[in-house]
Amino acid sequence: MTTDEFCTAVQARRAAQDRKWGVGTQRDCDRFLAILLEEVGEVAKELNEGRDLDRLVDELVDVAAVCAKWAEWGLPPTEDRSGVALVAEGVERG
């Protein structure tokens, strides 16, 4: 999987998260950390038990999507769902 393919998969997973839980869902940092650690645990489980590269990559996409959602949560609403450019430009978090 290329970096571009990985990023596309993360964007698709983020869209699925929004469909499942809603775009405006507010969660606190503790909740995001719990979700992230659960997803990291799935990566570890796949490494220890599965060794299936496709499933491992799928779990890594989940980790990245949770991180993206957490980063977006602290950014002001924008058309640019990545949020990366806004942080780089020094936009203050709301």
Protein backbone atom coordinates (compact mmCIF):
# COMPACT_ATOMS: atom_id res chain seq x y z
CA MET A 1 0.00 0.00 0.00
CA THR A 2 1.35 3.40 -0.94
CA THR A 3 1.14 6.46 1.28
CA ASP A 4 -1.51 7.92 -1.02
CA GLU A 5 -3.56 4.73 -0.82
CA PHE A 6 -3.23 4.72 2.96
CA CYS A 7 -4.35 8.35 3.21
CA THR A 8 -7.31 7.64 0.94
CA ALA A 9 -8.27 4.69 3.15
CA VAL A 10 -8.04 6.90 6.26
CA GLN A 11 -10.25 9.54 4.64
CA ALA A 12 -12.81 6.86 3.76
CA ARG A 13 -12.73 5.52 7.33
CA ARG A 14 -13.19 9.05 8.69
CA ALA A 15 -16.24 9.48 6.48
CA ALA A 16 -17.60 6.18 7.81
CA GLN A 17 -17.03 7.40 11.39
CA ASP A 18 -19.02 10.55 10.65
CA ARG A 19 -21.86 8.51 9.14
CA LYS A 20 -21.88 6.21 12.16
CA TRP A 21 -21.47 8.73 15.00
CA GLY A 22 -22.28 12.07 13.36
CA VAL A 23 -20.01 14.91 12.29
CA GLY A 24 -20.55 17.06 15.34
CA THR A 25 -20.08 14.39 17.97
CA GLN A 26 -18.18 15.93 20.85
CA ARG A 27 -15.98 13.66 22.92
CA ASP A 28 -13.52 14.54 25.62
CA CYS A 29 -9.80 13.78 25.43
CA ASP A 30 -10.12 10.85 27.83
CA ARG A 31 -12.69 9.23 25.55
CA PHE A 32 -10.52 9.78 22.45
CA LEU A 33 -7.55 8.25 24.26
CA ALA A 34 -9.60 5.21 25.26
CA ILE A 35 -10.78 4.71 21.68
CA LEU A 36 -7.26 5.16 20.33
CA LEU A 37 -5.76 2.68 22.78
CA GLU A 38 -8.45 0.14 21.92
CA GLU A 39 -7.52 0.48 18.25
CA VAL A 40 -3.79 0.21 19.03
CA GLY A 41 -4.64 -2.93 20.99
CA GLU A 42 -6.23 -4.35 17.85
CA VAL A 43 -2.95 -3.72 15.99
CA ALA A 44 -1.04 -5.55 18.74
CA LYS A 45 -3.51 -8.41 18.69
CA GLU A 46 -3.13 -8.80 14.94
CA LEU A 47 0.65 -8.79 15.28
CA ASN A 48 0.56 -11.39 18.06
CA GLU A 49 -2.20 -13.65 16.78
CA GLY A 50 -2.97 -13.03 13.16
CA ARG A 51 -0.06 -11.95 11.05
CA ASP A 52 -2.49 -11.15 8.22
CA LEU A 53 -1.03 -8.11 6.46
CA ASP A 54 -4.40 -6.92 5.08
CA ARG A 55 -6.02 -7.04 8.52
CA LEU A 56 -2.99 -5.34 10.09
CA VAL A 57 -3.16 -2.50 7.58
CA ASP A 58 -6.92 -2.23 8.20
CA GLU A 59 -6.25 -1.84 11.92
CA LEU A 60 -3.56 0.77 11.23
CA VAL A 61 -6.10 2.70 9.13
CA ASP A 62 -8.45 2.60 12.14
CA VAL A 63 -5.70 4.03 14.37
CA ALA A 64 -4.98 6.84 11.91
CA ALA A 65 -8.68 7.63 11.48
CA VAL A 66 -9.18 7.94 15.25
CA CYS A 67 -6.14 10.24 15.44
CA ALA A 68 -7.51 12.34 12.59
CA LYS A 69 -10.92 12.64 14.27
CA TRP A 70 -9.28 13.64 17.56
CA ALA A 71 -7.20 16.30 15.79
CA GLU A 72 -10.26 17.60 13.92
CA TRP A 73 -12.26 17.76 17.15
CA GLY A 74 -9.93 20.47 18.46
CA LEU A 75 -10.00 22.52 15.26
CA PRO A 76 -12.56 25.09 14.14
CA PRO A 77 -15.13 23.91 11.54
CA THR A 78 -13.73 24.05 8.03
CA GLU A 79 -14.23 22.77 4.53
CA ASP A 80 -10.73 21.26 4.76
CA ARG A 81 -11.40 18.06 6.73
CA SER A 82 -7.70 17.25 7.04
CA GLY A 83 -7.05 20.12 9.46
CA VAL A 84 -3.32 19.81 8.82
CA ALA A 85 -3.03 23.04 6.86
CA LEU A 86 -4.94 24.93 9.53
CA VAL A 87 -2.60 23.81 12.29
CA ALA A 88 0.44 24.60 10.16
CA GLU A 89 -0.94 28.10 9.54
CA GLY A 90 -1.35 28.71 13.27
CA VAL A 91 -5.15 28.73 13.49
CA GLU A 92 -6.05 28.67 17.17
CA ARG A 93 -8.09 25.76 18.39
CA GLY A 94 -11.60 26.44 19.56
